[in-house]
C-alpha atoms as a PDB file:
ATOM      1  CA  MET A   1     117.896  30.341  90.483  1.00  0.00           C
ATOM      2  CA  ALA A   2     120.883  28.417  92.300  1.00  0.00           C
ATOM      3  CA  LEU A   3     123.029  30.033  89.860  1.00  0.00           C
ATOM      4  CA  HIS A   4     121.672  33.881  89.882  1.00  0.00           C
ATOM      5  CA  MET A   5     122.290  33.254  94.324  1.00  0.00           C
ATOM      6  CA  MET A   6     125.636  31.986  93.936  1.00  0.00           C
ATOM      7  CA  ALA A   7     126.471  34.681  91.876  1.00  0.00           C
ATOM      8  CA  THR A   8     124.358  37.349  94.697  1.00  0.00           C
ATOM      9  CA  ALA A   9     126.937  35.956  97.263  1.00  0.00           C
ATOM     10  CA  ALA A  10     129.952  36.128  94.822  1.00  0.00           C
ATOM     11  CA  VAL A  11     129.143  40.221  93.914  1.00  0.00           C
ATOM     12  CA  SER A  12     128.237  40.223  97.880  1.00  0.00           C
ATOM     13  CA  ASP A  13     131.781  38.181  99.521  1.00  0.00           C
ATOM     14  CA  GLU A  14     133.146  40.717  97.068  1.00  0.00           C
ATOM     15  CA  PHE A  15     131.323  44.207  98.078  1.00  0.00           C
ATOM     16  CA  ALA A  16     131.842  42.771 101.816  1.00  0.00           C
ATOM     17  CA  LEU A  17     136.281  43.054 100.996  1.00  0.00           C
ATOM     18  CA  PHE A  18     136.278  46.396  99.682  1.00  0.00           C
ATOM     19  CA  THR A  19     134.849  47.597 102.148  1.00  0.00           C
ATOM     20  CA  THR A  20     137.061  45.722 104.985  1.00  0.00           C
ATOM     21  CA  PHE A  21     139.768  47.017 102.359  1.00  0.00           C
ATOM     22  CA  ALA A  22     138.621  50.364 102.118  1.00  0.00           C
ATOM     23  CA  ARG A  23     138.169  50.540 106.185  1.00  0.00           C
ATOM     24  CA  GLU A  24     141.567  49.681 106.403  1.00  0.00           C
ATOM     25  CA  ILE A  25     142.937  52.027 103.888  1.00  0.00           C
ATOM     26  CA  ARG A  26     141.085  55.085 105.697  1.00  0.00           C
ATOM     27  CA  GLN A  27     142.476  53.904 108.975  1.00  0.00           C
ATOM     28  CA  ARG A  28     146.199  53.563 108.136  1.00  0.00           C
ATOM     29  CA  LEU A  29     145.572  57.061 106.092  1.00  0.00           C
ATOM     30  CA  GLY A  30     144.104  59.151 108.946  1.00  0.00           C
ATOM     31  CA  ALA A  31     146.596  57.863 111.580  1.00  0.00           C
ATOM     32  CA  VAL A  32     149.423  59.079 109.447  1.00  0.00           C
ATOM     33  CA  ILE A  33     147.230  61.967 109.480  1.00  0.00           C
ATOM     34  CA  ALA A  34     146.673  62.726 112.872  1.00  0.00           C
ATOM     35  CA  VAL A  35     150.896  62.125 113.163  1.00  0.00           C
ATOM     36  CA  ARG A  36     151.557  64.655 110.474  1.00  0.00           C
ATOM     37  CA  ALA A  37     149.060  66.974 110.222  1.00  0.00           C
ATOM     38  CA  PRO A  38     150.159  69.218 113.859  1.00  0.00           C
ATOM     39  CA  GLY A  39     154.128  69.333 111.902  1.00  0.00           C
ATOM     40  CA  ILE A  40     152.577  70.714 108.923  1.00  0.00           C
ATOM     41  CA  PHE A  41     149.756  73.625 110.247  1.00  0.00           C
ATOM     42  CA  ASP A  42     151.760  74.589 113.504  1.00  0.00           C
ATOM     43  CA  SER A  43     153.489  78.035 112.843  1.00  0.00           C
ATOM     44  CA  TYR A  44     155.018  78.524 116.702  1.00  0.00           C
ATOM     45  CA  HIS A  45     158.831  77.769 116.259  1.00  0.00           C
ATOM     46  CA  PRO A  46     160.160  79.979 119.019  1.00  0.00           C
ATOM     47  CA  GLU A  47     163.815  79.174 118.209  1.00  0.00           C
ATOM     48  CA  LEU A  48     162.912  81.588 115.426  1.00  0.00           C
ATOM     49  CA  HIS A  49     162.380  84.801 117.488  1.00  0.00           C
ATOM     50  CA  TYR A  50     164.827  83.403 120.838  1.00  0.00           C
ATOM     51  CA  MET A  51     167.082  86.361 121.107  1.00  0.00           C
ATOM     52  CA  ARG A  52     170.622  86.677 123.268  1.00  0.00           C
ATOM     53  CA  GLY A  53     170.508  90.242 123.039  1.00  0.00           C
ATOM     54  CA  PRO A  54     174.279  91.455 121.968  1.00  0.00           C
ATOM     55  CA  GLY A  55     177.642  89.913 122.764  1.00  0.00           C
ATOM     56  CA  PRO A  56     181.035  91.259 124.090  1.00  0.00           C
ATOM     57  CA  LYS A  57     182.225  92.623 120.396  1.00  0.00           C
ATOM     58  CA  TRP A  58     178.347  94.590 119.914  1.00  0.00           C
ATOM     59  CA  ARG A  59     179.968  95.664 124.008  1.00  0.00           C
ATOM     60  CA  GLU A  60     182.866  96.968 122.881  1.00  0.00           C
ATOM     61  CA  LYS A  61     182.518  98.647 119.156  1.00  0.00           C
ATOM     62  CA  HIS A  62     179.201 100.607 121.155  1.00  0.00           C
ATOM     63  CA  GLY A  63     181.819 101.770 123.867  1.00  0.00           C
ATOM     64  CA  LEU A  64     179.699  99.867 126.735  1.00  0.00           C
ATOM     65  CA  VAL A  65     182.154  98.014 127.341  1.00  0.00           C
ATOM     66  CA  PRO A  66     185.946  98.895 128.647  1.00  0.00           C
ATOM     67  CA  SER A  67     188.258  97.043 125.562  1.00  0.00           C
ATOM     68  CA  LYS A  68     191.073  94.618 126.627  1.00  0.00           C
ATOM     69  CA  SER A  69     193.447  97.655 124.943  1.00  0.00           C
ATOM     70  CA  THR A  70     192.195  99.541 127.556  1.00  0.00           C
ATOM     71  CA  LEU A  71     192.154  97.665 130.776  1.00  0.00           C
ATOM     72  CA  SER A  72     196.116  96.730 130.171  1.00  0.00           C
END
């Protein structure tokens, strides 16, 4: 009977260690996912859609700004 109780206590202790380990792994994994997930699933990137408009070379090519040779 004592041997059975010792074996049961040992299994119980190992199960407690396992559940503690599993809880710690779950917490760490959850923290990593919470930090990384917004960057993975965020589809809003305003820098990809930012446009300043045509520059001086485009304006010169299309006759909207007088060229340097015309000013002299």
